[in-house]
């Protein structure tokens, strides 16, 4: 190794150690723990969106006790009541969640 190579290596410090694994361990919306949180940090929670401004404070914490809080604002609008003229077809009819659809024209989110 030449002296110029040794000088170049001395300018580059070497960092070594053991990697620390970290993961999301808590997600809360407006102070309430979310309904589901998986190992990858994905979460799910049911929230009510009312007409007008809806503010959600989302707080997360990781396994190293680091936390962060973000404010998310969603604006809701009233949708026409399209269900009031429907009736039960059978006594065995049971409501069940199937999917979510968003109508771009009316800006309404429909759960079917």
Foldseek 3Di string as FASTA:
>chain_A
DDPVVVVVVVVDDDDDDDDDDKFWDFKAKPNHTAPDADGRGDTHHDDDADAAKDKIWIKIAMPVRDIDIDIDIDHDHDDDPPPPPDDDPDPPDDDDFDDWDADPVRRDIDTD
